[in-house]
Amino acid sequence: MSSISLTLAVPSLSTTAIILTKSTATPPQTTYVTISNRATGLLIDGMYRTNNGENCGQWSNSGSTAQQWVIETVGSYVKIKNRQTGLYIDGMGRTANNSIAGQYSSSSSYNQQWQQVPSGSYIKFKNRSTGLYLDGLGKTTDGADLGQWKKVTATISNGW
């Protein structure tokens, strides 16, 4: 750290030295992660979609910032923010199996909050609002939609 000395005159005609310290510490780095489906190996991808409500997708690893995510803690839940679009994975209030997960700008909605459920060396993401899990739906094609499904113990398509 560097310091600067400053001398000020005070009314009693005495001088007081004040040392101002300039911090040179760097702010914390943001950690970006990719999220790979256990069954297919496809990554969750924002697909460069920037409008609220657009579907979230899956794509093979391309190194794109659209495949990079920030995991933000909200109490005992997490929100998953796309690096490229700034949108969050959102359950969209959809409660049926095979529902598509969307993307939406940040809100306090439970649709954007996910519980991380350990499953061996993998994680399952359970939506706080819908109770459904993020699921690759067994799709192996680049550009496939990211889905949601109720928990099925034997399946690996909802492991990440």
C-alpha atoms as a PDB file:
ATOM      1  CA  MET A   1       0.000   0.000   0.000  1.00  0.00           C
ATOM      2  CA  SER A   2       1.160   3.533  -0.607  1.00  0.00           C
ATOM      3  CA  SER A   3       0.507   6.347   1.832  1.00  0.00           C
ATOM      4  CA  ILE A   4       0.287  10.110   1.634  1.00  0.00           C
ATOM      5  CA  SER A   5       0.992  12.493   4.520  1.00  0.00           C
ATOM      6  CA  LEU A   6      -1.102  15.612   4.867  1.00  0.00           C
ATOM      7  CA  THR A   7      -0.637  18.330   7.468  1.00  0.00           C
ATOM      8  CA  LEU A   8      -3.619  20.480   8.389  1.00  0.00           C
ATOM      9  CA  ALA A   9      -3.756  23.630  10.509  1.00  0.00           C
ATOM     10  CA  VAL A  10      -6.392  23.411  13.223  1.00  0.00           C
ATOM     11  CA  PRO A  11      -7.891  26.370  15.153  1.00  0.00           C
ATOM     12  CA  SER A  12      -5.659  25.907  18.215  1.00  0.00           C
ATOM     13  CA  LEU A  13      -2.674  26.615  15.982  1.00  0.00           C
ATOM     14  CA  SER A  14      -1.322  23.107  16.426  1.00  0.00           C
ATOM     15  CA  THR A  15      -0.806  20.748  13.532  1.00  0.00           C
ATOM     16  CA  THR A  16      -2.246  17.296  13.146  1.00  0.00           C
ATOM     17  CA  ALA A  17      -0.894  14.741  10.718  1.00  0.00           C
ATOM     18  CA  ILE A  18      -3.419  12.599   8.868  1.00  0.00           C
ATOM     19  CA  ILE A  19      -2.275   9.630   6.863  1.00  0.00           C
ATOM     20  CA  LEU A  20      -4.455   8.701   3.895  1.00  0.00           C
ATOM     21  CA  THR A  21      -3.995   5.204   2.615  1.00  0.00           C
ATOM     22  CA  LYS A  22      -4.761   4.228  -0.940  1.00  0.00           C
ATOM     23  CA  SER A  23      -5.695   0.597  -1.345  1.00  0.00           C
ATOM     24  CA  THR A  24      -4.071  -1.198  -4.240  1.00  0.00           C
ATOM     25  CA  ALA A  25      -5.927  -4.444  -3.602  1.00  0.00           C
ATOM     26  CA  THR A  26      -7.612  -5.911  -6.650  1.00  0.00           C
ATOM     27  CA  PRO A  27     -11.338  -6.626  -6.492  1.00  0.00           C
ATOM     28  CA  PRO A  28     -12.343 -10.289  -6.310  1.00  0.00           C
ATOM     29  CA  GLN A  29     -12.409 -12.103  -9.642  1.00  0.00           C
ATOM     30  CA  THR A  30     -15.703 -13.459 -10.966  1.00  0.00           C
ATOM     31  CA  THR A  31     -15.607 -17.225 -11.365  1.00  0.00           C
ATOM     32  CA  TYR A  32     -17.261 -18.591 -14.500  1.00  0.00           C
ATOM     33  CA  VAL A  33     -18.215 -22.242 -14.805  1.00  0.00           C
ATOM     34  CA  THR A  34     -19.533 -24.501 -17.524  1.00  0.00           C
ATOM     35  CA  ILE A  35     -22.324 -26.912 -16.634  1.00  0.00           C
ATOM     36  CA  SER A  36     -22.098 -30.256 -18.427  1.00  0.00           C
ATOM     37  CA  ASN A  37     -24.928 -32.792 -18.630  1.00  0.00           C
ATOM     38  CA  ARG A  38     -23.980 -36.140 -17.115  1.00  0.00           C
ATOM     39  CA  ALA A  39     -25.788 -38.184 -19.771  1.00  0.00           C
ATOM     40  CA  THR A  40     -24.937 -36.290 -22.960  1.00  0.00           C
ATOM     41  CA  GLY A  41     -21.909 -34.139 -22.156  1.00  0.00           C
ATOM     42  CA  LEU A  42     -23.635 -31.105 -23.694  1.00  0.00           C
ATOM     43  CA  LEU A  43     -23.180 -27.801 -21.871  1.00  0.00           C
ATOM     44  CA  ILE A  44     -25.980 -25.507 -20.769  1.00  0.00           C
ATOM     45  CA  ASP A  45     -25.868 -22.655 -23.277  1.00  0.00           C
ATOM     46  CA  GLY A  46     -27.521 -19.217 -23.333  1.00  0.00           C
ATOM     47  CA  MET A  47     -27.582 -19.552 -27.141  1.00  0.00           C
ATOM     48  CA  TYR A  48     -26.915 -15.784 -27.473  1.00  0.00           C
ATOM     49  CA  ARG A  49     -30.605 -15.249 -26.763  1.00  0.00           C
ATOM     50  CA  THR A  50     -31.022 -11.895 -25.064  1.00  0.00           C
ATOM     51  CA  ASN A  51     -34.794 -11.493 -24.695  1.00  0.00           C
ATOM     52  CA  ASN A  52     -36.672 -12.351 -21.519  1.00  0.00           C
ATOM     53  CA  GLY A  53     -38.528 -15.638 -21.816  1.00  0.00           C
ATOM     54  CA  GLU A  54     -36.397 -17.146 -24.570  1.00  0.00           C
ATOM     55  CA  ASN A  55     -35.423 -20.797 -24.184  1.00  0.00           C
ATOM     56  CA  CYS A  56     -32.155 -21.893 -22.673  1.00  0.00           C
ATOM     57  CA  GLY A  57     -30.302 -24.489 -24.725  1.00  0.00           C
ATOM     58  CA  GLN A  58     -27.544 -27.074 -24.818  1.00  0.00           C
ATOM     59  CA  TRP A  59     -24.474 -27.241 -27.036  1.00  0.00           C
ATOM     60  CA  SER A  60     -21.245 -29.187 -27.258  1.00  0.00           C
ATOM     61  CA  ASN A  61     -18.266 -27.396 -25.731  1.00  0.00           C
ATOM     62  CA  SER A  62     -17.280 -24.490 -27.982  1.00  0.00           C
ATOM     63  CA  GLY A  63     -15.491 -22.304 -25.432  1.00  0.00           C
ATOM     64  CA  SER A  64     -18.133 -19.604 -25.999  1.00  0.00           C
ATOM     65  CA  THR A  65     -19.032 -17.111 -23.269  1.00  0.00           C
ATOM     66  CA  ALA A  66     -22.650 -18.179 -23.903  1.00  0.00           C
ATOM     67  CA  GLN A  67     -21.678 -21.454 -22.160  1.00  0.00           C
ATOM     68  CA  GLN A  68     -20.185 -19.729 -19.125  1.00  0.00           C
ATOM     69  CA  TRP A  69     -22.217 -19.161 -15.985  1.00  0.00           C
ATOM     70  CA  VAL A  70     -21.888 -17.433 -12.638  1.00  0.00           C
ATOM     71  CA  ILE A  71     -23.400 -19.260  -9.671  1.00  0.00           C
ATOM     72  CA  GLU A  72     -24.835 -16.660  -7.257  1.00  0.00           C
ATOM     73  CA  THR A  73     -25.876 -17.713  -3.763  1.00  0.00           C
ATOM     74  CA  VAL A  74     -29.313 -16.614  -2.519  1.00  0.00           C
ATOM     75  CA  GLY A  75     -29.743 -18.074   0.970  1.00  0.00           C
ATOM     76  CA  SER A  76     -29.759 -21.855   0.540  1.00  0.00           C
ATOM     77  CA  TYR A  77     -30.474 -21.552  -3.201  1.00  0.00           C
ATOM     78  CA  VAL A  78     -28.477 -20.392  -6.213  1.00  0.00           C
ATOM     79  CA  LYS A  79     -29.207 -18.284  -9.274  1.00  0.00           C
ATOM     80  CA  ILE A  80     -27.399 -19.192 -12.494  1.00  0.00           C
ATOM     81  CA  LYS A  81     -26.395 -16.167 -14.612  1.00  0.00           C
ATOM     82  CA  ASN A  82     -25.136 -16.366 -18.196  1.00  0.00           C
ATOM     83  CA  ARG A  83     -21.876 -14.527 -18.811  1.00  0.00           C
ATOM     84  CA  GLN A  84     -22.720 -13.492 -22.370  1.00  0.00           C
ATOM     85  CA  THR A  85     -26.347 -12.382 -21.994  1.00  0.00           C
ATOM     86  CA  GLY A  86     -26.554 -11.518 -18.291  1.00  0.00           C
ATOM     87  CA  LEU A  87     -29.837 -13.474 -18.115  1.00  0.00           C
ATOM     88  CA  TYR A  88     -30.648 -16.108 -15.491  1.00  0.00           C
ATOM     89  CA  ILE A  89     -31.894 -19.655 -15.994  1.00  0.00           C
ATOM     90  CA  ASP A  90     -35.595 -19.502 -15.122  1.00  0.00           C
ATOM     91  CA  GLY A  91     -38.190 -22.233 -14.567  1.00  0.00           C
ATOM     92  CA  MET A  92     -40.723 -19.838 -16.144  1.00  0.00           C
ATOM     93  CA  GLY A  93     -43.452 -21.179 -13.827  1.00  0.00           C
ATOM     94  CA  ARG A  94     -43.725 -24.280 -16.010  1.00  0.00           C
ATOM     95  CA  THR A  95     -44.702 -27.309 -13.931  1.00  0.00           C
ATOM     96  CA  ALA A  96     -45.192 -30.115 -16.465  1.00  0.00           C
ATOM     97  CA  ASN A  97     -42.553 -32.723 -17.238  1.00  0.00           C
ATOM     98  CA  ASN A  98     -40.662 -31.924 -20.441  1.00  0.00           C
ATOM     99  CA  SER A  99     -41.108 -28.163 -19.862  1.00  0.00           C
ATOM    100  CA  ILE A 100     -38.408 -25.969 -21.336  1.00  0.00           C
ATOM    101  CA  ALA A 101     -36.246 -23.824 -19.048  1.00  0.00           C
ATOM    102  CA  GLY A 102     -36.065 -20.201 -20.103  1.00  0.00           C
ATOM    103  CA  GLN A 103     -33.901 -17.184 -19.412  1.00  0.00           C
ATOM    104  CA  TYR A 104     -34.915 -13.957 -17.752  1.00  0.00           C
ATOM    105  CA  SER A 105     -33.323 -10.808 -16.352  1.00  0.00           C
ATOM    106  CA  SER A 106     -32.608 -10.829 -12.621  1.00  0.00           C
ATOM    107  CA  SER A 107     -35.564 -10.842 -10.269  1.00  0.00           C
ATOM    108  CA  SER A 108     -36.408 -12.104  -6.804  1.00  0.00           C
ATOM    109  CA  SER A 109     -38.750 -14.695  -8.351  1.00  0.00           C
ATOM    110  CA  TYR A 110     -38.447 -18.250  -7.031  1.00  0.00           C
ATOM    111  CA  ASN A 111     -38.468 -19.308 -10.716  1.00  0.00           C
ATOM    112  CA  GLN A 112     -34.789 -18.255 -10.835  1.00  0.00           C
ATOM    113  CA  GLN A 113     -33.779 -20.010  -7.639  1.00  0.00           C
ATOM    114  CA  TRP A 114     -32.342 -23.515  -7.760  1.00  0.00           C
ATOM    115  CA  GLN A 115     -31.498 -25.917  -4.979  1.00  0.00           C
ATOM    116  CA  GLN A 116     -28.247 -27.806  -5.563  1.00  0.00           C
ATOM    117  CA  VAL A 117     -28.977 -31.439  -4.726  1.00  0.00           C
ATOM    118  CA  PRO A 118     -25.871 -33.659  -4.460  1.00  0.00           C
ATOM    119  CA  SER A 119     -26.047 -36.879  -6.474  1.00  0.00           C
ATOM    120  CA  GLY A 120     -22.781 -38.759  -6.062  1.00  0.00           C
ATOM    121  CA  SER A 121     -20.111 -36.668  -7.771  1.00  0.00           C
ATOM    122  CA  TYR A 122     -22.779 -34.718  -9.688  1.00  0.00           C
ATOM    123  CA  ILE A 123     -25.303 -32.004  -8.847  1.00  0.00           C
ATOM    124  CA  LYS A 124     -28.994 -31.817  -9.669  1.00  0.00           C
ATOM    125  CA  PHE A 125     -30.662 -28.399  -9.832  1.00  0.00           C
ATOM    126  CA  LYS A 126     -34.203 -28.348  -8.396  1.00  0.00           C
ATOM    127  CA  ASN A 127     -36.310 -25.274  -9.128  1.00  0.00           C
ATOM    128  CA  ARG A 128     -37.657 -23.598  -5.999  1.00  0.00           C
ATOM    129  CA  SER A 129     -40.922 -22.586  -7.662  1.00  0.00           C
ATOM    130  CA  THR A 130     -41.789 -25.542  -9.891  1.00  0.00           C
ATOM    131  CA  GLY A 131     -40.095 -28.399  -8.019  1.00  0.00           C
ATOM    132  CA  LEU A 132     -38.755 -29.680 -11.356  1.00  0.00           C
ATOM    133  CA  TYR A 133     -35.098 -30.469 -12.049  1.00  0.00           C
ATOM    134  CA  LEU A 134     -32.986 -29.082 -14.884  1.00  0.00           C
ATOM    135  CA  ASP A 135     -32.781 -31.923 -17.385  1.00  0.00           C
ATOM    136  CA  GLY A 136     -31.010 -32.533 -20.680  1.00  0.00           C
ATOM    137  CA  LEU A 137     -34.065 -34.545 -21.739  1.00  0.00           C
ATOM    138  CA  GLY A 138     -31.718 -37.065 -23.377  1.00  0.00           C
ATOM    139  CA  LYS A 139     -31.176 -34.715 -26.319  1.00  0.00           C
ATOM    140  CA  THR A 140     -27.770 -34.915 -27.987  1.00  0.00           C
ATOM    141  CA  THR A 141     -28.125 -32.356 -30.789  1.00  0.00           C
ATOM    142  CA  ASP A 142     -26.427 -28.958 -30.550  1.00  0.00           C
ATOM    143  CA  GLY A 143     -29.107 -26.324 -30.018  1.00  0.00           C
ATOM    144  CA  ALA A 144     -31.509 -28.632 -28.161  1.00  0.00           C
ATOM    145  CA  ASP A 145     -33.647 -26.906 -25.550  1.00  0.00           C
ATOM    146  CA  LEU A 146     -32.785 -27.284 -21.873  1.00  0.00           C
ATOM    147  CA  GLY A 147     -35.653 -28.999 -20.114  1.00  0.00           C
ATOM    148  CA  GLN A 148     -37.164 -29.607 -16.710  1.00  0.00           C
ATOM    149  CA  TRP A 149     -38.416 -32.892 -15.319  1.00  0.00           C
ATOM    150  CA  LYS A 150     -39.575 -34.282 -12.003  1.00  0.00           C
ATOM    151  CA  LYS A 151     -36.923 -36.205 -10.111  1.00  0.00           C
ATOM    152  CA  VAL A 152     -36.444 -39.730 -11.377  1.00  0.00           C
ATOM    153  CA  THR A 153     -33.890 -41.527  -9.227  1.00  0.00           C
ATOM    154  CA  ALA A 154     -32.613 -43.837 -11.966  1.00  0.00           C
ATOM    155  CA  THR A 155     -32.038 -41.181 -14.632  1.00  0.00           C
ATOM    156  CA  ILE A 156     -28.738 -39.440 -15.222  1.00  0.00           C
ATOM    157  CA  SER A 157     -30.102 -36.835 -17.645  1.00  0.00           C
ATOM    158  CA  ASN A 158     -30.802 -34.452 -14.751  1.00  0.00           C
ATOM    159  CA  GLY A 159     -27.268 -34.746 -13.351  1.00  0.00           C
ATOM    160  CA  TRP A 160     -24.758 -31.980 -14.035  1.00  0.00           C
END
